[in-house]
Amino acid sequence: MAIDRRDFLRAATAGAAGLSLGNVSPLAGVPLFEGSIPAPRATPLRRRGGQAPDVVVIGAGNFGIWTALNLQRLGATVTVLDAYGPGNSRSTSGGETRGVRSSYGGRPAGFVWNRWANEAIRRWIQWDEEGRELLLPRVFYQSGDLILREEMIPYLEDTMAQWDRLGVDYELLDVDEINYRWPWIRTEEGVSLGLHEPNAGVVRARRAIESVAKRFEMEGGEIRIARAALGESDGRQLNEVTLGGEESLAASTFVFAVGPWIGKTFPELFGDRVRIPIGNVFYFAVPDQRFMFPNMPSYGVPGCTGWPALGPDHRGFRVRTGGQPGDDPDTSDRWVPPEAHERPRQILERYFPDMVGAAINETRACHYCFGPNRNFLVDKHPDFDNVWLAGLGTAESFKQGPVLGEYIAKRVLEIENDPELAEQFRFSLEAPEGGEREPDPQSEDLGG
């Protein structure tokens, strides 16, 4: 008797459904969930020539490539389409580095993000351990993270309450302890305490995306450079995506994970309801090893996040400030003009005086993507039963890629069924009660 492909995938992966995400309520006071990234298949899937994939993932950034890898490891055949390629300079995931911390006090989705980020830290470490045998580059550096503030504020109190609930290690440090550990951090002006998260770290972002893409291809996946758009449909079923000209690609299911291109891809859904501001990143030359990993943690001060230089690339000491409103991610400039260089130098002068006058090694500018409901989007397209939307990272999704990818893959294959969690990530154009935006206590408004 014939069996439907979806039923086959559901049966084949049922044993994994209780891992990681589906067995823990996001609001329960429970330990971190257990489990690991779904293991590679012993024999990679290989599709026959001309055979359509089960799933087409549009977008090879953080959301897309992790979802594709997990879909494949759960039994689906997958093709990834990206207009520029994994880790490209125009993508939000294509920057040099991204922080991995779990301090999300005061956010509507803070507890879920906190729990996921701590699980993601474990998985980033696991990823490097597995990658070492495949000669893949190290991507995660466990630097710890230090938040500096003038006084105790609700953001910090709520973060510590979340960590207490989850059993996450942290330290509340006074000025004397900060000066003892990192005497090159200036605390005379506006610093009375520091909240230290020792397990946090920094990911070499572009190389991480390239690494996941490499594993995906090694295990049988296909990546194509193409710009996809909605093609022919039959009622609530999308039959194909077009790839330009007369070429198209059919599949049973489609996942659009297009980052700041989501408004261009679905203008009728999002219009001006999605903000894609640009953040400015600076990498400064360091005077000595004090400002290099592992000699100081990543840091968060009002209006800025950053971290020490990482050895393998040595891009420099990273300072990130707010930028400017974003427009078209295909045409926006990705360098930071000289008139915007004053703000990061003010940060150095106030908190890192021995860095004053340091040369700028390079600048980076990238789009973030904010939706009206302040959370990630993982839900079906309202007009199609076989089209998924994944994105709106709100500047916080990269760190959680290993967890997000598994969650999205299980949602797509209908083997993850936590309705409370799904409700948090549903498609909605309505702003939550209290307004459309919230202040980010860790960073400047990114241009909106």
Protein backbone atom coordinates (compact mmCIF):
# COMPACT_ATOMS: atom_id res chain seq x y z
CA MET A 1 0.00 0.00 0.00
CA ALA A 2 1.40 3.41 -0.94
CA ILE A 3 2.28 5.82 1.87
CA ASP A 4 2.17 9.58 1.59
CA ARG A 5 5.60 11.20 1.74
CA ARG A 6 4.55 13.45 4.63
CA ASP A 7 3.25 10.46 6.58
CA PHE A 8 6.52 8.67 5.90
CA LEU A 9 8.58 11.56 7.21
CA ARG A 10 6.38 11.89 10.26
CA ALA A 11 6.73 8.19 11.07
CA ALA A 12 10.44 8.12 10.35
CA THR A 13 11.18 11.00 12.68
CA ALA A 14 8.66 10.29 15.43
CA GLY A 15 11.38 8.97 17.67
CA ALA A 16 13.12 12.33 17.62
CA ALA A 17 10.04 14.39 18.35
CA GLY A 18 10.49 14.22 22.10
CA LEU A 19 13.96 15.76 22.00
CA SER A 20 15.03 19.34 22.55
CA LEU A 21 11.98 21.47 21.92
CA GLY A 22 8.67 19.66 22.01
CA ASN A 23 8.85 18.30 25.53
CA VAL A 24 9.28 21.52 27.52
CA SER A 25 6.74 24.27 28.03
CA PRO A 26 8.39 27.62 27.31
CA LEU A 27 6.88 29.10 30.47
CA ALA A 28 7.62 26.31 32.91
CA GLY A 29 10.36 26.61 35.52
CA VAL A 30 12.33 23.62 34.29
CA PRO A 31 15.96 22.84 33.49
CA LEU A 32 17.30 23.35 30.01
CA PHE A 33 15.97 20.80 27.58
CA GLU A 34 18.14 17.92 26.57
CA GLY A 35 19.00 16.57 23.15
CA SER A 36 21.34 17.52 20.34
CA ILE A 37 21.39 18.52 16.73
CA PRO A 38 19.86 15.63 14.74
CA ALA A 39 22.73 13.41 13.69
CA PRO A 40 23.77 13.05 10.03
CA ARG A 41 22.27 10.10 8.22
CA ALA A 42 24.61 7.12 7.90
CA THR A 43 23.99 7.21 4.14
CA PRO A 44 23.30 10.71 2.79
CA LEU A 45 20.11 11.11 0.77
CA ARG A 46 20.73 11.38 -2.98
CA ARG A 47 17.84 12.29 -5.23
CA ARG A 48 17.51 10.82 -8.68
CA GLY A 49 18.16 13.09 -11.63
CA GLY A 50 15.17 15.31 -12.30
CA GLN A 51 13.38 14.33 -9.09
CA ALA A 52 11.83 17.28 -7.25
CA PRO A 53 12.99 17.82 -3.66
CA ASP A 54 10.60 17.42 -0.75
CA VAL A 55 11.39 20.93 0.50
CA VAL A 56 12.80 24.04 -1.12
CA VAL A 57 14.30 26.52 1.33
CA ILE A 58 14.62 30.05 -0.04
CA GLY A 59 17.42 31.86 1.76
CA ALA A 60 20.80 30.51 2.92
CA GLY A 61 21.20 32.73 5.96
CA ASN A 62 20.87 31.81 9.60
CA PHE A 63 17.20 30.79 9.49
CA GLY A 64 17.39 29.07 6.13
CA ILE A 65 20.60 27.05 6.21
CA TRP A 66 20.09 25.66 9.73
CA THR A 67 16.51 24.71 8.80
CA ALA A 68 17.70 23.01 5.63
CA LEU A 69 20.34 20.98 7.47
CA ASN A 70 17.84 19.83 10.08
CA LEU A 71 15.15 19.02 7.51
CA GLN A 72 17.66 16.86 5.69
CA ARG A 73 18.80 15.10 8.85
CA LEU A 74 15.17 14.37 9.66
CA GLY A 75 14.67 12.58 6.35
CA ALA A 76 13.65 15.17 3.74
CA THR A 77 15.38 15.91 0.45
CA VAL A 78 16.15 19.62 0.38
CA THR A 79 17.28 22.24 -2.11
CA VAL A 80 18.41 25.68 -0.89
CA LEU A 81 18.10 28.74 -3.11
CA ASP A 82 19.89 32.02 -2.39
CA ALA A 83 20.33 35.07 -4.58
CA TYR A 84 23.97 35.55 -3.55
CA GLY A 85 25.07 32.42 -1.68
CA PRO A 86 25.71 31.35 1.96
CA GLY A 87 27.63 33.91 4.03
CA ASN A 88 27.51 36.60 1.35
CA SER A 89 28.29 40.20 2.29
CA ARG A 90 24.75 41.47 1.69
CA SER A 91 23.15 39.01 4.09
CA THR A 92 22.43 39.78 7.74
CA SER A 93 24.20 36.50 8.57
CA GLY A 94 27.26 37.39 6.50
CA GLY A 95 29.01 39.63 9.02
CA GLU A 96 32.33 38.74 10.58
CA THR A 97 31.11 38.06 14.12
CA ARG A 98 27.95 37.75 16.20
CA GLY A 99 27.54 37.61 19.99
CA VAL A 100 25.99 34.66 21.78
CA ARG A 101 24.48 35.74 25.10
CA SER A 102 21.22 35.02 26.92
CA SER A 103 20.50 38.27 28.78
CA TYR A 104 16.91 38.95 27.68
CA GLY A 105 15.26 40.49 30.69
CA GLY A 106 12.36 42.80 30.01
CA ARG A 107 11.47 41.33 26.62
CA PRO A 108 8.08 39.75 25.89
CA ALA A 109 9.77 36.59 24.59
CA GLY A 110 12.70 36.87 26.98
CA PHE A 111 12.35 33.58 28.82
CA VAL A 112 12.08 31.49 25.66
CA TRP A 113 15.00 33.34 24.07
CA ASN A 114 17.05 32.89 27.24
CA ARG A 115 16.41 29.16 27.35
CA TRP A 116 17.09 28.70 23.65
CA ALA A 117 20.26 30.81 23.72
CA ASN A 118 21.73 28.71 26.52
CA GLU A 119 20.94 25.53 24.62
CA ALA A 120 22.45 27.11 21.51
CA ILE A 121 25.70 27.75 23.40
CA ARG A 122 25.96 24.04 24.11
CA ARG A 123 25.25 23.24 20.50
CA TRP A 124 27.80 25.72 19.16
CA ILE A 125 30.41 23.93 21.26
CA GLN A 126 29.16 20.58 19.95
CA TRP A 127 29.28 21.91 16.39
CA ASP A 128 32.96 22.80 16.72
CA GLU A 129 33.77 19.44 18.27
CA GLU A 130 32.16 17.61 15.35
CA GLY A 131 33.65 19.99 12.79
CA ARG A 132 37.18 19.47 14.03
CA GLU A 133 37.16 15.93 12.62
CA LEU A 134 36.01 17.32 9.25
CA LEU A 135 38.72 20.02 9.27
CA LEU A 136 36.12 22.76 9.44
CA PRO A 137 37.18 26.07 11.02
CA ARG A 138 36.39 26.81 14.64
CA VAL A 139 33.49 29.24 14.86
CA PHE A 140 32.57 29.66 18.56
CA TYR A 141 34.74 31.37 21.20
CA GLN A 142 33.49 31.26 24.77
CA SER A 143 34.58 34.67 25.97
CA GLY A 144 31.92 35.32 28.60
CA ASP A 145 29.82 38.50 28.49
CA LEU A 146 29.92 41.52 30.81
CA ILE A 147 27.06 44.04 31.02
CA LEU A 148 28.11 47.33 32.61
CA ARG A 149 25.55 49.68 34.14
CA GLU A 150 25.37 52.69 36.43
CA GLU A 151 22.77 51.08 38.67
CA MET A 152 20.58 48.03 39.01
CA ILE A 153 17.68 48.26 36.55
CA PRO A 154 14.65 46.03 35.77
CA TYR A 155 16.36 44.63 32.67
CA LEU A 156 19.14 43.15 34.81
CA GLU A 157 16.82 42.02 37.58
CA ASP A 158 14.57 40.21 35.13
CA THR A 159 17.55 38.62 33.39
CA MET A 160 18.89 37.28 36.69
CA ALA A 161 15.44 35.95 37.59
CA GLN A 162 15.34 34.05 34.29
CA TRP A 163 18.80 32.64 34.90
CA ASP A 164 17.83 31.56 38.42
CA ARG A 165 14.80 29.79 36.99
CA LEU A 166 16.91 28.02 34.37
CA GLY A 167 19.92 27.26 36.57
CA VAL A 168 22.31 29.35 34.44
CA ASP A 169 25.61 30.46 35.95
CA TYR A 170 26.18 34.19 36.35
CA GLU A 171 27.96 36.70 38.61
CA LEU A 172 26.93 40.12 39.85
CA LEU A 173 30.18 42.06 40.22
CA ASP A 174 30.93 45.31 42.01
CA VAL A 175 33.37 47.90 40.69
CA ASP A 176 36.28 46.61 42.74
CA GLU A 177 35.92 43.13 41.23
CA ILE A 178 35.57 44.52 37.70
CA ASN A 179 38.73 46.59 38.20
CA TYR A 180 40.58 43.58 39.59
CA ARG A 181 39.72 41.29 36.66
CA TRP A 182 39.87 43.80 33.81
CA PRO A 183 41.75 46.92 35.01
CA TRP A 184 41.81 48.33 31.47
CA ILE A 185 38.01 48.87 31.59
CA ARG A 186 37.25 52.39 32.86
CA THR A 187 34.59 52.43 35.59
CA GLU A 188 34.95 55.96 36.98
CA GLU A 189 32.10 57.31 34.87
CA GLY A 190 28.71 55.67 34.98
CA VAL A 191 29.63 52.15 36.12
CA SER A 192 28.73 50.75 39.53
CA LEU A 193 28.10 47.08 38.70
CA GLY A 194 28.64 44.39 36.12
CA LEU A 195 26.54 41.34 35.27
CA HIS A 196 28.83 38.57 34.06
CA GLU A 197 27.59 35.59 32.02
CA PRO A 198 30.61 33.25 31.83
CA ASN A 199 29.14 30.82 29.29
CA ALA A 200 28.43 33.46 26.64
CA GLY A 201 30.68 33.93 23.65
CA VAL A 202 31.21 35.09 20.08
CA VAL A 203 30.65 33.29 16.76
CA ARG A 204 32.60 33.90 13.58
CA ALA A 205 29.35 34.45 11.72
CA ARG A 206 30.23 34.27 8.03
CA ARG A 207 32.38 31.20 8.57
CA ALA A 208 29.64 29.58 10.63
CA ILE A 209 27.11 29.94 7.81
CA GLU A 210 29.65 28.62 5.33
CA SER A 211 30.37 25.72 7.68
CA VAL A 212 26.69 24.75 8.01
CA ALA A 213 26.29 25.02 4.23
CA LYS A 214 29.31 22.77 3.74
CA ARG A 215 27.89 20.12 6.09
CA PHE A 216 24.52 20.37 4.33
CA GLU A 217 26.15 19.68 0.96
CA MET A 218 28.40 16.94 2.34
CA GLU A 219 25.31 15.15 3.61
CA GLY A 220 23.52 15.29 0.27
CA GLY A 221 21.88 18.71 0.10
CA GLU A 222 21.89 21.01 -2.90
CA ILE A 223 22.52 24.77 -2.89
CA ARG A 224 21.77 26.86 -5.96
CA ILE A 225 22.45 30.55 -6.59
CA ALA A 226 19.10 31.87 -7.77
CA ARG A 227 16.54 34.49 -6.85
CA ALA A 228 13.21 32.76 -6.22
CA ALA A 229 9.68 34.10 -6.43
CA LEU A 230 6.24 32.57 -6.06
CA GLY A 231 5.27 30.57 -9.12
CA GLU A 232 2.18 28.66 -10.19
CA SER A 233 -0.29 27.59 -7.53
CA ASP A 234 -3.40 25.47 -7.26
CA GLY A 235 -5.76 26.90 -4.67
CA ARG A 236 -3.92 26.87 -1.36
CA GLN A 237 -1.01 24.82 -2.72
CA LEU A 238 2.06 26.46 -4.19
CA ASN A 239 3.38 24.20 -6.94
CA GLU A 240 6.67 25.87 -7.73
CA VAL A 241 8.95 28.85 -7.40
CA THR A 242 10.32 30.67 -10.41
CA LEU A 243 14.06 31.24 -10.74
CA GLY A 244 14.15 33.88 -13.44
CA GLY A 245 13.46 33.48 -17.11
CA GLU A 246 11.50 30.32 -17.83
CA GLU A 247 13.15 28.19 -15.13
CA SER A 248 11.16 26.98 -12.11
CA LEU A 249 11.54 24.47 -9.29
CA ALA A 250 8.72 22.31 -7.89
CA ALA A 251 8.51 20.82 -4.41
CA SER A 252 5.99 19.59 -1.87
CA THR A 253 6.85 22.31 0.66
CA PHE A 254 8.53 25.72 0.54
CA VAL A 255 10.24 27.63 3.35
CA PHE A 256 10.93 31.33 2.78
CA ALA A 257 13.72 32.50 5.10
CA VAL A 258 14.77 35.64 3.26
CA GLY A 259 15.76 37.96 6.11
CA PRO A 260 15.44 41.68 5.30
CA TRP A 261 14.17 40.75 1.82
CA ILE A 262 10.88 39.59 3.34
CA GLY A 263 9.15 42.88 2.57
CA LYS A 264 10.32 42.79 -1.06
CA THR A 265 9.32 39.13 -1.41
CA PHE A 266 5.87 39.55 0.13
CA PRO A 267 4.95 43.23 -0.20
CA GLU A 268 1.23 42.48 0.03
CA LEU A 269 1.74 40.86 3.45
CA PHE A 270 4.26 43.11 5.11
CA GLY A 271 4.41 46.42 3.27
CA ASP A 272 5.90 48.95 5.67
CA ARG A 273 5.17 46.79 8.72
CA VAL A 274 8.70 45.40 8.71
CA ARG A 275 11.67 47.59 9.67
CA ILE A 276 15.11 46.77 8.28
CA PRO A 277 17.44 49.31 9.93
CA ILE A 278 21.18 49.16 9.44
CA GLY A 279 23.60 48.69 12.32
CA ASN A 280 27.18 49.98 12.15
CA VAL A 281 30.07 47.76 13.21
CA PHE A 282 33.68 48.85 13.66
CA TYR A 283 36.78 46.72 14.17
CA PHE A 284 39.66 48.61 15.81
CA ALA A 285 43.34 47.66 15.86
CA VAL A 286 44.34 46.60 19.37
CA PRO A 287 47.45 47.87 21.21
CA ASP A 288 48.14 44.59 23.00
CA GLN A 289 46.68 41.25 24.09
CA ARG A 290 44.47 42.73 26.81
CA PHE A 291 41.91 43.44 24.10
CA MET A 292 42.15 40.01 22.51
CA PHE A 293 40.39 36.74 23.30
CA PRO A 294 40.60 35.17 25.88
CA ASN A 295 41.74 38.11 28.00
CA MET A 296 38.45 39.98 28.20
CA PRO A 297 34.76 39.16 27.71
CA SER A 298 32.31 40.51 25.22
CA TYR A 299 30.63 43.57 26.67
CA GLY A 300 27.39 45.51 26.70
CA VAL A 301 27.21 49.16 27.68
CA PRO A 302 24.36 51.60 27.08
CA GLY A 303 24.14 52.08 23.33
CA CYS A 304 26.77 49.54 22.32
CA THR A 305 27.81 45.90 22.25
CA GLY A 306 31.20 44.52 21.34
CA TRP A 307 33.95 42.03 22.09
CA PRO A 308 37.69 41.42 21.98
CA ALA A 309 39.59 40.56 18.83
CA LEU A 310 39.48 36.87 17.94
CA GLY A 311 42.82 35.30 17.09
CA PRO A 312 42.23 33.40 13.83
CA ASP A 313 41.01 36.39 11.81
CA HIS A 314 42.11 39.24 14.06
CA ARG A 315 39.60 41.66 12.56
CA GLY A 316 40.06 43.74 15.70
CA PHE A 317 38.24 44.98 18.77
CA ARG A 318 34.57 45.13 17.87
CA VAL A 319 32.26 48.10 18.63
CA ARG A 320 28.67 48.12 17.38
CA THR A 321 26.51 51.23 17.45
CA GLY A 322 23.21 52.26 15.94
CA GLY A 323 23.20 53.15 12.29
CA GLN A 324 20.57 54.50 9.95
CA PRO A 325 17.19 53.52 8.53
CA GLY A 326 17.39 50.78 5.95
CA ASP A 327 15.79 50.71 2.53
CA ASP A 328 16.54 48.12 -0.13
CA PRO A 329 18.88 45.29 0.98
CA ASP A 330 19.93 44.76 -2.65
CA THR A 331 21.25 48.29 -3.09
CA SER A 332 22.15 49.68 0.37
CA ASP A 333 25.81 50.52 1.02
CA ARG A 334 27.53 48.09 3.40
CA TRP A 335 30.31 50.34 4.62
CA VAL A 336 30.20 53.00 7.31
CA PRO A 337 31.01 56.57 6.16
CA PRO A 338 33.49 58.72 8.14
CA GLU A 339 30.79 61.00 9.57
CA ALA A 340 29.52 58.01 11.59
CA HIS A 341 32.90 57.21 13.19
CA GLU A 342 32.60 59.60 16.13
CA ARG A 343 30.15 57.52 18.18
CA PRO A 344 32.32 54.37 18.47
CA ARG A 345 35.31 56.48 19.41
CA GLN A 346 33.24 58.01 22.21
CA ILE A 347 32.60 54.48 23.48
CA LEU A 348 36.33 53.75 23.50
CA GLU A 349 37.13 56.97 25.32
CA ARG A 350 34.54 56.34 28.01
CA TYR A 351 35.12 52.65 28.72
CA PHE A 352 38.42 51.60 27.07
CA PRO A 353 40.82 54.57 27.32
CA ASP A 354 43.86 52.62 26.16
CA MET A 355 42.08 52.11 22.83
CA VAL A 356 41.69 55.86 22.19
CA GLY A 357 43.20 56.79 18.85
CA ALA A 358 43.25 53.18 17.60
CA ALA A 359 43.12 52.72 13.86
CA ILE A 360 39.97 51.29 12.30
CA ASN A 361 40.77 47.99 10.61
CA GLU A 362 37.42 47.78 8.85
CA THR A 363 33.76 48.68 9.10
CA ARG A 364 30.66 46.63 8.39
CA ALA A 365 27.02 47.62 7.97
CA CYS A 366 24.17 45.15 7.86
CA HIS A 367 20.39 45.10 7.96
CA TYR A 368 18.40 43.85 10.89
CA CYS A 369 14.78 42.79 10.51
CA PHE A 370 12.06 43.73 12.99
CA GLY A 371 8.39 42.73 12.80
CA PRO A 372 5.44 44.23 14.66
CA ASN A 373 5.06 41.47 17.27
CA ARG A 374 8.65 41.70 18.63
CA ASN A 375 9.39 38.02 18.10
CA PHE A 376 10.63 35.56 15.51
CA LEU A 377 8.25 34.48 12.77
CA VAL A 378 7.71 30.76 12.22
CA ASP A 379 4.33 30.13 10.61
CA LYS A 380 2.55 29.24 7.40
CA HIS A 381 1.82 31.82 4.75
CA PRO A 382 -1.81 32.86 5.29
CA ASP A 383 -2.70 32.00 1.66
CA PHE A 384 -0.87 28.68 1.28
CA ASP A 385 -0.91 25.41 3.23
CA ASN A 386 2.55 24.33 2.05
CA VAL A 387 4.48 27.61 2.34
CA TRP A 388 6.29 28.54 5.54
CA LEU A 389 7.67 31.92 6.58
CA ALA A 390 10.69 32.02 8.92
CA GLY A 391 12.51 35.16 9.95
CA LEU A 392 12.15 38.58 11.59
CA GLY A 393 15.22 37.90 13.70
CA THR A 394 14.96 41.20 15.65
CA ALA A 395 18.79 41.31 15.82
CA GLU A 396 18.80 38.27 18.10
CA SER A 397 18.31 35.15 16.00
CA PHE A 398 21.84 34.34 14.85
CA LYS A 399 23.01 33.04 18.21
CA GLN A 400 20.06 30.65 18.32
CA GLY A 401 20.52 29.20 14.84
CA PRO A 402 21.26 25.62 15.93
CA VAL A 403 18.05 25.56 18.01
CA LEU A 404 15.86 27.61 15.68
CA GLY A 405 16.75 25.39 12.72
CA GLU A 406 15.67 22.24 14.49
CA TYR A 407 12.46 23.83 15.73
CA ILE A 408 11.49 25.14 12.27
CA ALA A 409 12.32 21.82 10.61
CA LYS A 410 10.11 19.94 13.06
CA ARG A 411 7.28 22.42 12.55
CA VAL A 412 7.52 21.99 8.78
CA LEU A 413 7.49 18.20 9.06
CA GLU A 414 4.65 18.32 11.62
CA ILE A 415 6.55 16.52 14.36
CA GLU A 416 6.67 19.44 16.80
CA ASN A 417 3.33 20.31 18.31
CA ASP A 418 3.70 22.71 21.22
CA PRO A 419 0.78 25.07 20.53
CA GLU A 420 1.83 27.56 23.20
CA LEU A 421 5.24 27.95 21.63
CA ALA A 422 3.80 28.09 18.12
CA GLU A 423 1.47 30.89 19.18
CA GLN A 424 4.45 33.07 20.10
CA PHE A 425 5.87 32.76 16.58
CA ARG A 426 2.65 33.01 14.58
CA PHE A 427 2.14 35.29 11.62
CA SER A 428 0.53 38.55 12.68
CA LEU A 429 0.57 42.13 11.49
CA GLU A 430 -0.90 43.39 14.74
CA ALA A 431 1.37 45.09 17.26
CA PRO A 432 1.09 43.74 20.84
CA GLU A 433 -0.54 45.74 23.56
CA GLY A 434 1.74 48.57 24.63
CA GLY A 435 2.89 49.59 21.17
CA GLU A 436 4.84 48.31 18.25
CA ARG A 437 8.36 48.79 19.54
CA GLU A 438 10.32 48.34 22.73
CA PRO A 439 13.61 49.87 23.79
CA ASP A 440 16.52 47.46 23.58
CA PRO A 441 18.30 47.76 26.92
CA GLN A 442 21.52 46.39 25.47
CA SER A 443 21.88 48.54 22.39
CA GLU A 444 20.92 51.68 20.52
CA ASP A 445 17.89 51.88 18.33
CA LEU A 446 19.18 50.55 15.03
CA GLY A 447 18.12 53.32 12.76
CA GLY A 448 14.34 53.01 12.97
